[in-house]
Each structure stands twice: as C-alpha cells, then as structure tokens.
Amino acid sequence: MTVTTRGAAPADALGDERVDTGGLDAAVLTVASNVDRWASTPPLAREALLAQVLRDLAEAAPAWHAASCEAKGLDPDSYEGGEELLAGVGIVARLGQELRRSLREIDARGRPLIPGDTRHVPGGRVVAPVVPRTGLDRVILAKQHGEVWMQPGISLEDAEAGQAAAYRDGKDGLLGFFIGQVMKETGGRADPRVVSERVREKLG
C-alpha cells in the first residue's frame, strides 16, 4: 500500500533551524509582561474575546477552506471538500462555541456543568459524561458518547474542585497557557522544556 501526503513539507526541508536564546527570552518577556493582566481577566471578558475570534474565523473560513483543499488536492465543492470544511473550520468553530459556553458557566457557577449523571464503577472510580452536551450534539454525534474516568480514589467532589482551576488560581493556574503563547511567538520552534523553565523563572 502506498500512502501519499499532499501539502506537507519534507522533514529535511525544515533543516536545523532553531530559535536563538535572545529571541526566546524576548518571547517569554512578551508573554510574562501580560501575565497579571490576563490572569485578572474575568471569564465573561474572555468569552467576549472568544466571540470576536469566532467572528474573525467566519471571515477567514472561505480562504482557509480553499487553501486546505488546494493543499490536499480536493475539489472544495465535492463531498471530500465538504468533509474538509467540517474537519477544519467546523471543528475550530464548534470547540470555540463550547469554550464560550464553559466560560459563561464558570462565571455563573464557578465551574463548567457536567452534562449528565455521574456514576461509580468497580475499582473506586467515578465516571463523568462529557459528550453529548447539547441537543445539537445528540443530532450531529448520534450514538456517540464521551466520558472521563477519574483516577481510582478521586471523588466527584475532588474532580469538581479541580475544574476551572486556571480561572481561580491566577497566574499559577495559567502556566500551560503561557507556555503555549511562547511557543506561538517562536513559531513552534522552541524547546518546550526550555520554554517551561524560563516561563516559570519569569513568573516567579
């Protein structure tokens, strides 16, 4: 069987490009200088920012879809082109809407709602349903179900206490977010381990 990947750059085309130390430090400082501002941004303000991102996504969607289809050799108006639209722009838009819903729930209740009844299974584990979450999910994801199985000994109360920790614990709870922002600033070329160490240093 022969597998052909369209649009992907050969591994050797990337060469040995690396981020220099000065560039990495600059990226870390750019992110760290806004840590307190972002950590203090309430959920509804973040939800408003995300709403703008989704409006921008809608404007960019036709060009995104066209570029994706061109890279993969697909006709945008074909069945496969429709699948590409759903798998690309559609997934991002859907996840963005779900995050907006979660942010509203965090603002109202301090954590996102669990969409259904939890249950206990042998081994001292709690299982929480996560999909489907809405009526639309039940139509689009017919007969599909997603669950989170807690580690043995973790109670529902423990799990709920850990929900939305990043929104309650200030900058310490946002470490992963800021590491991601630095990786974005460096075009994904930095060593994540080094980035983590330097972000921790800057955050104190």
Protein backbone atom coordinates (compact mmCIF):
# COMPACT_ATOMS: atom_id res chain seq x y z
CA MET A 1 0.00 0.00 0.00
CA THR A 2 1.29 3.46 -0.90
CA VAL A 3 0.36 6.45 1.26
CA THR A 4 0.71 9.89 -0.27
CA THR A 5 0.54 13.06 1.82
CA ARG A 6 -0.24 16.22 -0.09
CA GLY A 7 0.87 19.63 1.05
CA ALA A 8 3.26 18.51 3.80
CA ALA A 9 6.80 19.83 3.76
CA PRO A 10 9.52 17.16 3.69
CA ALA A 11 11.17 16.68 7.05
CA ASP A 12 14.57 17.66 5.67
CA ALA A 13 13.12 20.90 4.29
CA LEU A 14 12.85 22.20 7.83
CA GLY A 15 16.60 21.90 8.26
CA ASP A 16 18.20 22.55 11.63
CA GLU A 17 16.50 25.89 12.24
CA ARG A 18 16.46 26.75 15.92
CA VAL A 19 15.36 29.73 17.99
CA ASP A 20 18.25 31.76 19.36
CA THR A 21 18.37 32.43 23.09
CA GLY A 22 17.72 36.13 22.66
CA GLY A 23 14.62 35.51 20.60
CA LEU A 24 13.32 33.00 23.14
CA ASP A 25 13.89 35.42 26.04
CA ALA A 26 12.09 38.17 24.13
CA ALA A 27 9.11 35.90 23.52
CA VAL A 28 8.99 34.89 27.19
CA LEU A 29 9.13 38.54 28.28
CA THR A 30 6.35 39.48 25.87
CA VAL A 31 4.08 36.87 27.40
CA ALA A 32 5.21 37.36 31.02
CA SER A 33 4.64 41.11 30.86
CA ASN A 34 0.93 40.45 30.40
CA VAL A 35 0.54 37.65 32.95
CA ASP A 36 -1.21 39.70 35.62
CA ARG A 37 -3.47 41.37 33.08
CA TRP A 38 -4.61 38.05 31.62
CA ALA A 39 -4.90 36.29 34.99
CA SER A 40 -7.22 39.04 36.21
CA THR A 41 -9.41 38.97 33.10
CA PRO A 42 -12.80 37.59 34.21
CA PRO A 43 -14.50 34.72 32.36
CA LEU A 44 -17.11 36.89 30.64
CA ALA A 45 -14.43 39.21 29.28
CA ARG A 46 -12.60 36.18 27.90
CA GLU A 47 -15.86 34.94 26.43
CA ALA A 48 -16.27 38.28 24.65
CA LEU A 49 -12.76 37.99 23.21
CA LEU A 50 -13.53 34.48 22.02
CA ALA A 51 -16.73 35.72 20.38
CA GLN A 52 -14.61 38.14 18.35
CA VAL A 53 -12.22 35.33 17.44
CA LEU A 54 -15.16 33.32 16.09
CA ARG A 55 -16.39 36.30 14.06
CA ASP A 56 -12.91 36.62 12.58
CA LEU A 57 -12.92 32.88 11.93
CA ALA A 58 -16.12 33.20 9.93
CA GLU A 59 -14.47 35.81 7.71
CA ALA A 60 -11.35 33.69 7.26
CA ALA A 61 -13.25 30.42 6.71
CA PRO A 62 -13.58 30.57 2.89
CA ALA A 63 -9.86 31.25 2.39
CA TRP A 64 -8.93 28.60 4.98
CA HIS A 65 -11.13 26.01 3.31
CA ALA A 66 -9.83 26.85 -0.15
CA ALA A 67 -6.20 26.62 0.99
CA SER A 68 -6.82 23.31 2.75
CA CYS A 69 -8.46 21.79 -0.30
CA GLU A 70 -5.70 23.06 -2.58
CA ALA A 71 -3.02 21.57 -0.33
CA LYS A 72 -4.78 18.19 -0.36
CA GLY A 73 -5.81 18.21 -4.00
CA LEU A 74 -9.55 18.32 -3.23
CA ASP A 75 -12.41 19.98 -5.03
CA PRO A 76 -13.93 22.39 -2.45
CA ASP A 77 -17.41 21.63 -3.81
CA SER A 78 -17.03 17.85 -3.61
CA TYR A 79 -18.08 15.52 -0.83
CA GLU A 80 -14.47 15.32 0.32
CA GLY A 81 -14.24 19.10 0.23
CA GLY A 82 -17.26 19.29 2.49
CA GLU A 83 -15.62 16.90 4.92
CA GLU A 84 -12.51 19.10 4.91
CA LEU A 85 -14.64 22.12 5.81
CA LEU A 86 -16.16 20.31 8.77
CA ALA A 87 -12.86 18.81 9.91
CA GLY A 88 -11.03 22.15 9.73
CA VAL A 89 -13.04 25.32 10.22
CA GLY A 90 -16.03 23.43 11.57
CA ILE A 91 -14.16 21.77 14.42
CA VAL A 92 -12.46 25.01 15.49
CA ALA A 93 -15.77 26.86 15.42
CA ARG A 94 -17.51 24.12 17.38
CA LEU A 95 -14.82 23.98 20.05
CA GLY A 96 -14.86 27.76 20.28
CA GLN A 97 -18.60 27.75 20.91
CA GLU A 98 -18.23 25.07 23.57
CA LEU A 99 -15.49 27.08 25.30
CA ARG A 100 -17.76 30.14 25.27
CA ARG A 101 -20.46 28.07 26.95
CA SER A 102 -17.99 26.86 29.58
CA LEU A 103 -16.81 30.41 30.28
CA ARG A 104 -20.39 31.52 30.87
CA GLU A 105 -20.93 28.59 33.22
CA ILE A 106 -17.71 29.39 35.09
CA ASP A 107 -18.88 32.96 35.52
CA ALA A 108 -22.27 31.83 36.82
CA ARG A 109 -21.33 28.75 38.89
CA GLY A 110 -17.56 28.74 39.28
CA ARG A 111 -17.10 25.69 37.05
CA PRO A 112 -18.49 24.12 33.85
CA LEU A 113 -21.54 21.92 34.16
CA ILE A 114 -21.20 18.16 33.81
CA PRO A 115 -23.73 17.26 31.09
CA GLY A 116 -25.38 14.28 32.71
CA ASP A 117 -25.29 12.00 35.72
CA THR A 118 -22.00 10.67 37.04
CA ARG A 119 -21.71 7.04 38.04
CA HIS A 120 -19.41 4.83 40.11
CA VAL A 121 -17.70 1.80 38.59
CA PRO A 122 -15.70 -1.02 40.19
CA GLY A 123 -12.25 -0.03 41.35
CA GLY A 124 -13.34 3.08 43.19
CA ARG A 125 -13.64 5.18 40.04
CA VAL A 126 -16.07 7.93 39.16
CA VAL A 127 -17.17 8.33 35.54
CA ALA A 128 -18.43 11.69 34.26
CA PRO A 129 -20.18 12.12 30.89
CA VAL A 130 -18.89 14.90 28.63
CA VAL A 131 -20.45 14.15 25.22
CA PRO A 132 -23.16 14.72 24.12
CA ARG A 133 -23.54 18.04 25.87
CA THR A 134 -26.36 19.69 23.94
CA GLY A 135 -29.30 18.76 21.76
CA LEU A 136 -27.23 19.66 18.73
CA ASP A 137 -24.55 17.21 19.88
CA ARG A 138 -27.15 14.47 20.03
CA VAL A 139 -28.06 15.12 16.39
CA ILE A 140 -24.56 15.62 14.96
CA LEU A 141 -22.91 12.97 17.12
CA ALA A 142 -25.72 10.44 17.08
CA LYS A 143 -24.94 7.32 19.13
CA GLN A 144 -21.56 8.74 20.17
CA HIS A 145 -20.68 9.16 23.82
CA GLY A 146 -17.64 10.52 25.60
CA GLU A 147 -16.75 10.02 29.27
CA VAL A 148 -13.98 10.98 31.66
CA TRP A 149 -12.87 8.20 34.02
CA MET A 150 -11.34 9.60 37.18
CA GLN A 151 -8.29 8.01 38.74
CA PRO A 152 -9.12 5.47 41.48
CA GLY A 153 -9.85 7.23 44.74
CA ILE A 154 -10.79 10.58 43.13
CA SER A 155 -14.29 11.51 44.23
CA LEU A 156 -16.75 13.64 42.31
CA GLU A 157 -16.14 16.42 44.83
CA ASP A 158 -12.40 16.21 44.17
CA ALA A 159 -12.96 16.39 40.43
CA GLU A 160 -15.30 19.35 40.70
CA ALA A 161 -12.80 21.16 42.94
CA GLY A 162 -10.22 20.82 40.16
CA GLN A 163 -12.47 22.21 37.45
CA ALA A 164 -11.61 25.69 36.12
CA ALA A 165 -8.58 25.89 38.42
CA ALA A 166 -6.82 28.20 35.98
CA TYR A 167 -9.60 30.75 36.45
CA ARG A 168 -9.33 30.64 40.24
CA ASP A 169 -5.61 30.27 40.84
CA GLY A 170 -4.43 33.35 38.99
CA LYS A 171 -1.18 33.22 37.06
CA ASP A 172 -0.05 29.93 38.66
CA GLY A 173 -3.04 28.18 37.14
CA LEU A 174 -2.22 29.55 33.70
CA LEU A 175 1.29 28.20 33.29
CA GLY A 176 0.31 25.90 30.43
CA PHE A 177 -1.45 28.74 28.64
CA PHE A 178 1.60 30.99 28.78
CA ILE A 179 3.92 28.22 27.60
CA GLY A 180 1.61 27.81 24.62
CA GLN A 181 1.77 31.53 23.90
CA VAL A 182 5.56 31.49 23.92
CA MET A 183 5.55 28.54 21.51
CA LYS A 184 3.26 30.58 19.27
CA GLU A 185 5.57 33.61 19.46
CA THR A 186 8.51 31.45 18.37
CA GLY A 187 6.63 29.71 15.60
CA GLY A 188 6.73 26.40 17.46
CA ARG A 189 10.50 26.08 17.04
CA ALA A 190 11.47 26.44 20.70
CA ASP A 191 12.17 23.51 23.02
CA PRO A 192 9.05 23.18 25.21
CA ARG A 193 11.15 22.07 28.19
CA VAL A 194 13.34 25.17 27.98
CA VAL A 195 10.28 27.36 27.49
CA SER A 196 8.66 25.88 30.60
CA GLU A 197 11.74 26.57 32.69
CA ARG A 198 12.06 30.17 31.51
CA VAL A 199 8.37 30.94 31.89
CA ARG A 200 8.49 29.62 35.48
CA GLU A 201 11.50 31.86 36.15
CA LYS A 202 9.74 34.95 34.81
CA LEU A 203 6.52 34.22 36.69
CA GLY A 204 8.48 33.82 39.90
